[in-house]
Amino acid sequence: MDQSVVPPLSPPTLQARRRRWLKPVLLGAAIMGAGLLLSACATQPPPMAGRELPGFLYGLLHGLIAPFSFLYSLVSDTRVYAYPNPGRWYDFGFLLGVSAWGSGGTTVVRR
């Protein structure tokens, strides 16, 4: 028999290969599902009377200083994300501000 010819995989071997990648995928999906389920329980405290809620510009500013705020929050009782906030516009500004830090990683170097 010729050594260069590889016999096709038998069905039990093929099933074993499928099971090998299925466990980590199911475990990852279970962990993500549990995280989403727990995050659904999060609430914000009610706003204090007389204080203006932070909007888009505050979200943008907080996103730009987020890495420094995070480092400071490790040694003090400071939050990176403002609460309570009005919602979507603050979130959008925060996302834009944080994404400004990652834009350098998308640069492609051509030789």
Protein backbone atom coordinates (compact mmCIF):
# COMPACT_ATOMS: atom_id res chain seq x y z
CA MET A 1 0.00 0.00 0.00
CA ASP A 2 1.24 3.49 -0.84
CA GLN A 3 2.32 5.52 2.23
CA SER A 4 1.32 8.89 0.76
CA VAL A 5 -2.39 8.04 0.60
CA VAL A 6 -4.20 8.94 3.81
CA PRO A 7 -7.42 7.02 4.44
CA PRO A 8 -10.53 9.16 4.99
CA LEU A 9 -11.57 9.88 8.53
CA SER A 10 -13.96 7.42 10.03
CA PRO A 11 -17.23 8.79 11.46
CA PRO A 12 -16.21 8.29 15.13
CA THR A 13 -13.00 10.31 14.57
CA LEU A 14 -14.96 13.08 12.86
CA GLN A 15 -17.44 13.21 15.75
CA ALA A 16 -14.59 13.38 18.27
CA ARG A 17 -13.15 16.41 16.44
CA ARG A 18 -16.52 18.13 16.51
CA ARG A 19 -16.90 17.51 20.24
CA ARG A 20 -13.42 18.91 20.92
CA TRP A 21 -14.36 22.45 19.81
CA LEU A 22 -17.97 22.25 20.96
CA LYS A 23 -17.16 22.24 24.70
CA PRO A 24 -15.22 25.56 24.72
CA VAL A 25 -17.86 27.22 22.54
CA LEU A 26 -20.69 26.13 24.85
CA LEU A 27 -18.69 27.15 27.94
CA GLY A 28 -18.02 30.59 26.46
CA ALA A 29 -21.68 31.01 25.53
CA ALA A 30 -22.72 30.02 29.07
CA ILE A 31 -20.30 32.52 30.64
CA MET A 32 -21.48 35.32 28.33
CA GLY A 33 -25.11 34.46 29.02
CA ALA A 34 -24.51 34.54 32.78
CA GLY A 35 -22.77 37.91 32.44
CA LEU A 36 -25.67 39.35 30.46
CA LEU A 37 -28.14 37.99 32.97
CA LEU A 38 -26.25 39.58 35.87
CA SER A 39 -25.83 42.89 34.08
CA ALA A 40 -29.59 43.10 33.65
CA CYS A 41 -29.83 43.56 37.43
CA ALA A 42 -27.79 46.79 37.45
CA THR A 43 -29.59 49.99 38.43
CA GLN A 44 -28.67 53.64 38.89
CA PRO A 45 -29.45 55.71 41.95
CA PRO A 46 -32.05 58.46 41.52
CA PRO A 47 -30.70 61.90 40.54
CA MET A 48 -30.10 64.43 43.28
CA ALA A 49 -32.36 67.48 43.26
CA GLY A 50 -30.82 70.65 41.83
CA ARG A 51 -28.02 68.94 39.92
CA GLU A 52 -27.87 68.89 36.14
CA LEU A 53 -27.44 65.45 34.59
CA PRO A 54 -24.31 64.97 32.47
CA GLY A 55 -25.02 64.92 28.73
CA PHE A 56 -23.10 64.26 25.51
CA LEU A 57 -20.20 66.65 26.15
CA TYR A 58 -19.62 65.33 29.67
CA GLY A 59 -19.74 61.81 28.26
CA LEU A 60 -17.12 62.75 25.67
CA LEU A 61 -14.91 64.34 28.34
CA HIS A 62 -15.30 61.38 30.69
CA GLY A 63 -14.44 59.00 27.84
CA LEU A 64 -11.28 60.97 27.03
CA ILE A 65 -10.07 60.87 30.63
CA ALA A 66 -11.30 57.30 31.30
CA PRO A 67 -7.82 55.65 31.44
CA PHE A 68 -6.65 58.18 34.02
CA SER A 69 -9.91 57.92 35.95
CA PHE A 70 -9.55 54.15 36.01
CA LEU A 71 -6.05 54.33 37.45
CA TYR A 72 -7.21 56.85 40.05
CA SER A 73 -10.23 54.67 40.91
CA LEU A 74 -7.88 51.84 41.91
CA VAL A 75 -6.63 53.86 44.89
CA SER A 76 -9.72 55.95 45.72
CA ASP A 77 -13.51 55.83 45.74
CA THR A 78 -13.97 57.43 42.30
CA ARG A 79 -16.08 56.11 39.43
CA VAL A 80 -15.01 56.11 35.79
CA TYR A 81 -18.57 56.42 34.50
CA ALA A 82 -20.90 59.22 35.69
CA TYR A 83 -24.09 58.22 37.43
CA PRO A 84 -26.89 59.01 37.20
CA ASN A 85 -26.82 60.11 33.60
CA PRO A 86 -29.60 60.76 31.08
CA GLY A 87 -28.77 57.72 29.01
CA ARG A 88 -28.03 57.34 25.35
CA TRP A 89 -26.38 60.69 24.57
CA TYR A 90 -24.01 60.39 27.53
CA ASP A 91 -23.25 56.80 26.52
CA PHE A 92 -22.55 57.86 22.92
CA GLY A 93 -20.20 60.63 24.05
CA PHE A 94 -18.42 58.27 26.44
CA LEU A 95 -18.01 55.70 23.67
CA LEU A 96 -16.54 58.29 21.30
CA GLY A 97 -14.16 59.52 23.99
CA VAL A 98 -12.93 56.05 24.88
CA SER A 99 -12.59 55.07 21.22
CA ALA A 100 -10.22 58.03 20.70
CA TRP A 101 -7.66 56.11 22.76
CA GLY A 102 -7.84 53.04 20.51
CA SER A 103 -7.57 54.77 17.15
CA GLY A 104 -3.77 54.46 17.10
CA GLY A 105 -4.04 50.68 17.03
CA THR A 106 -5.92 50.72 13.75
CA THR A 107 -3.12 52.39 11.80
CA VAL A 108 -1.64 50.09 9.20
CA VAL A 109 2.08 50.34 8.46
CA ARG A 110 2.92 49.73 4.82
CA ARG A 111 6.41 48.91 3.67
